[in-house]
Amino acid sequence: MEAVYPYAHTIHLILAIIFLGYVFTDVFMISKVKDKLQGEAKETTNKILGPLGFKIFPIALLIIVLTGGMMMSQYINLEAGFFNTHLQQVLVFKIALALIIVLGVLSNIYKKFTGKAKSNFMENHFHKLVLVLGLLIVISAKYMFV
């Protein structure tokens, strides 16, 4: 695992930047533009951007989770323990935050494929929550090695 760790770490960071960058752009720019559009222009914008986000969001998150799991196994395992060190405690906190994001994305994917309507929260506020959780994850990552 030590030979693969730097590659997993690099991929993880690049995709995390892309993932949070997309969410940031959606929260602060795309949603504001959509609010100002009306009628056919708004519908066309949703038809163009929706499928693009649906392709990027879950795939990036899947790879982030897989590379994160690879890296996590170096610090949390049966030999090293789970809550013994400061690093492990912060890492478990990060994992819990990431799990909230993953469950939300899985819920949205489920709703999309079953044709069920998203809740008001998931429709209007989920990306804001993802942005806050993502920033907490980034801060926690820096705090792990203090």
Protein backbone atom coordinates (compact mmCIF):
# COMPACT_ATOMS: atom_id res chain seq x y z
CA MET A 1 0.00 0.00 0.00
CA GLU A 2 2.87 2.38 0.69
CA ALA A 3 3.89 2.33 -2.98
CA VAL A 4 0.35 3.23 -4.13
CA TYR A 5 -0.35 5.81 -1.40
CA PRO A 6 1.15 8.86 -3.16
CA TYR A 7 -0.84 8.13 -6.32
CA ALA A 8 -4.08 7.56 -4.41
CA HIS A 9 -3.44 10.76 -2.46
CA THR A 10 -2.85 12.80 -5.63
CA ILE A 11 -5.96 11.44 -7.37
CA HIS A 12 -7.98 11.96 -4.18
CA LEU A 13 -6.92 15.61 -3.87
CA ILE A 14 -7.46 16.44 -7.55
CA LEU A 15 -10.95 14.95 -7.58
CA ALA A 16 -11.82 16.56 -4.24
CA ILE A 17 -10.89 19.94 -5.73
CA ILE A 18 -13.02 19.24 -8.81
CA PHE A 19 -15.91 17.97 -6.67
CA LEU A 20 -15.93 20.92 -4.26
CA GLY A 21 -15.26 23.32 -7.12
CA TYR A 22 -18.36 22.08 -8.90
CA VAL A 23 -20.44 22.40 -5.73
CA PHE A 24 -19.04 25.88 -5.03
CA THR A 25 -19.81 26.97 -8.59
CA ASP A 26 -23.33 25.57 -8.35
CA VAL A 27 -24.07 27.22 -5.00
CA PHE A 28 -22.64 30.64 -5.77
CA MET A 29 -23.01 31.03 -9.53
CA ILE A 30 -25.15 28.51 -11.40
CA SER A 31 -28.08 28.63 -8.96
CA LYS A 32 -28.03 32.45 -9.05
CA VAL A 33 -28.10 32.46 -12.85
CA LYS A 34 -30.95 29.92 -12.86
CA ASP A 35 -32.94 32.12 -10.45
CA LYS A 36 -32.73 35.02 -12.91
CA LEU A 37 -33.75 32.94 -15.93
CA GLN A 38 -37.36 32.28 -16.81
CA GLY A 39 -39.32 30.00 -19.07
CA GLU A 40 -37.53 28.24 -21.90
CA ALA A 41 -34.10 29.66 -21.02
CA LYS A 42 -34.30 28.20 -17.51
CA GLU A 43 -35.53 24.86 -18.86
CA THR A 44 -32.74 24.71 -21.45
CA THR A 45 -30.11 25.56 -18.83
CA ASN A 46 -31.38 22.77 -16.57
CA LYS A 47 -31.37 20.30 -19.47
CA ILE A 48 -27.77 21.16 -20.33
CA LEU A 49 -26.25 21.39 -16.85
CA GLY A 50 -28.26 18.65 -15.11
CA PRO A 51 -26.86 15.67 -17.05
CA LEU A 52 -23.32 17.07 -16.87
CA GLY A 53 -23.46 17.36 -13.09
CA PHE A 54 -25.06 13.94 -12.82
CA LYS A 55 -22.13 12.42 -14.72
CA ILE A 56 -19.38 14.27 -12.82
CA PHE A 57 -20.74 14.27 -9.27
CA PRO A 58 -21.25 10.54 -8.57
CA ILE A 59 -18.18 9.31 -10.49
CA ALA A 60 -15.86 11.82 -8.81
CA LEU A 61 -17.34 10.97 -5.42
CA LEU A 62 -16.93 7.23 -6.03
CA ILE A 63 -13.25 7.64 -6.86
CA ILE A 64 -12.78 9.99 -3.88
CA VAL A 65 -14.31 7.36 -1.60
CA LEU A 66 -12.21 4.54 -3.08
CA THR A 67 -8.93 6.46 -2.86
CA GLY A 68 -9.87 7.72 0.60
CA GLY A 69 -10.50 4.14 1.70
CA MET A 70 -7.12 3.10 0.37
CA MET A 71 -5.40 5.88 2.30
CA MET A 72 -7.51 5.32 5.41
CA SER A 73 -6.39 1.70 5.63
CA GLN A 74 -2.87 2.90 6.36
CA TYR A 75 -3.98 4.77 9.50
CA ILE A 76 -7.01 2.83 10.71
CA ASN A 77 -6.81 -0.95 10.82
CA LEU A 78 -6.79 -3.84 13.28
CA GLU A 79 -3.12 -3.39 14.11
CA ALA A 80 -3.10 0.42 14.43
CA GLY A 81 -6.51 0.66 16.08
CA PHE A 82 -9.41 2.98 15.41
CA PHE A 83 -9.49 5.76 18.02
CA ASN A 84 -6.06 5.48 19.66
CA THR A 85 -4.42 8.61 18.25
CA HIS A 86 -5.44 12.17 17.50
CA LEU A 87 -5.02 11.46 13.78
CA GLN A 88 -7.37 8.47 13.95
CA GLN A 89 -10.02 10.42 15.85
CA VAL A 90 -10.01 13.26 13.32
CA LEU A 91 -9.98 10.75 10.46
CA VAL A 92 -13.08 9.01 11.83
CA PHE A 93 -14.76 12.44 12.09
CA LYS A 94 -13.86 13.11 8.42
CA ILE A 95 -15.25 9.71 7.44
CA ALA A 96 -18.53 10.48 9.22
CA LEU A 97 -18.85 13.80 7.35
CA ALA A 98 -18.03 12.11 4.04
CA LEU A 99 -20.62 9.42 4.78
CA ILE A 100 -23.33 12.09 5.04
CA ILE A 101 -22.37 13.36 1.58
CA VAL A 102 -22.26 9.84 0.13
CA LEU A 103 -25.68 8.96 1.56
CA GLY A 104 -27.16 12.17 0.13
CA VAL A 105 -25.72 11.50 -3.31
CA LEU A 106 -26.96 7.89 -3.20
CA SER A 107 -30.39 9.18 -2.22
CA ASN A 108 -30.40 11.58 -5.17
CA ILE A 109 -29.31 8.83 -7.55
CA TYR A 110 -32.05 6.56 -6.23
CA LYS A 111 -34.66 9.32 -6.69
CA LYS A 112 -33.43 10.01 -10.23
CA PHE A 113 -33.64 6.38 -11.34
CA THR A 114 -36.99 5.69 -9.65
CA GLY A 115 -38.53 8.94 -10.84
CA LYS A 116 -39.46 9.99 -7.32
CA ALA A 117 -39.39 13.65 -6.40
CA LYS A 118 -36.57 14.96 -4.24
CA SER A 119 -37.43 16.54 -0.92
CA ASN A 120 -37.32 20.33 -0.70
CA PHE A 121 -34.10 20.13 1.30
CA MET A 122 -32.36 17.90 -1.23
CA GLU A 123 -33.58 20.03 -4.12
CA ASN A 124 -32.69 23.43 -2.70
CA HIS A 125 -30.10 23.00 0.05
CA PHE A 126 -28.12 19.78 -0.39
CA HIS A 127 -25.25 21.41 -2.30
CA LYS A 128 -24.95 24.04 0.44
CA LEU A 129 -24.65 21.25 3.00
CA VAL A 130 -22.09 19.43 0.82
CA LEU A 131 -20.06 22.63 0.55
CA VAL A 132 -20.02 23.13 4.33
CA LEU A 133 -19.22 19.46 5.00
CA GLY A 134 -16.53 19.52 2.31
CA LEU A 135 -14.88 22.54 3.88
CA LEU A 136 -14.99 20.86 7.30
CA ILE A 137 -13.37 17.79 5.74
CA VAL A 138 -10.60 19.92 4.22
CA ILE A 139 -9.98 21.70 7.54
CA SER A 140 -9.99 18.38 9.36
CA ALA A 141 -7.45 16.99 6.90
CA LYS A 142 -5.07 19.78 7.81
CA TYR A 143 -5.83 19.32 11.53
CA MET A 144 -5.09 15.56 11.41
CA PHE A 145 -1.35 16.07 11.22
CA VAL A 146 -1.06 18.76 13.90
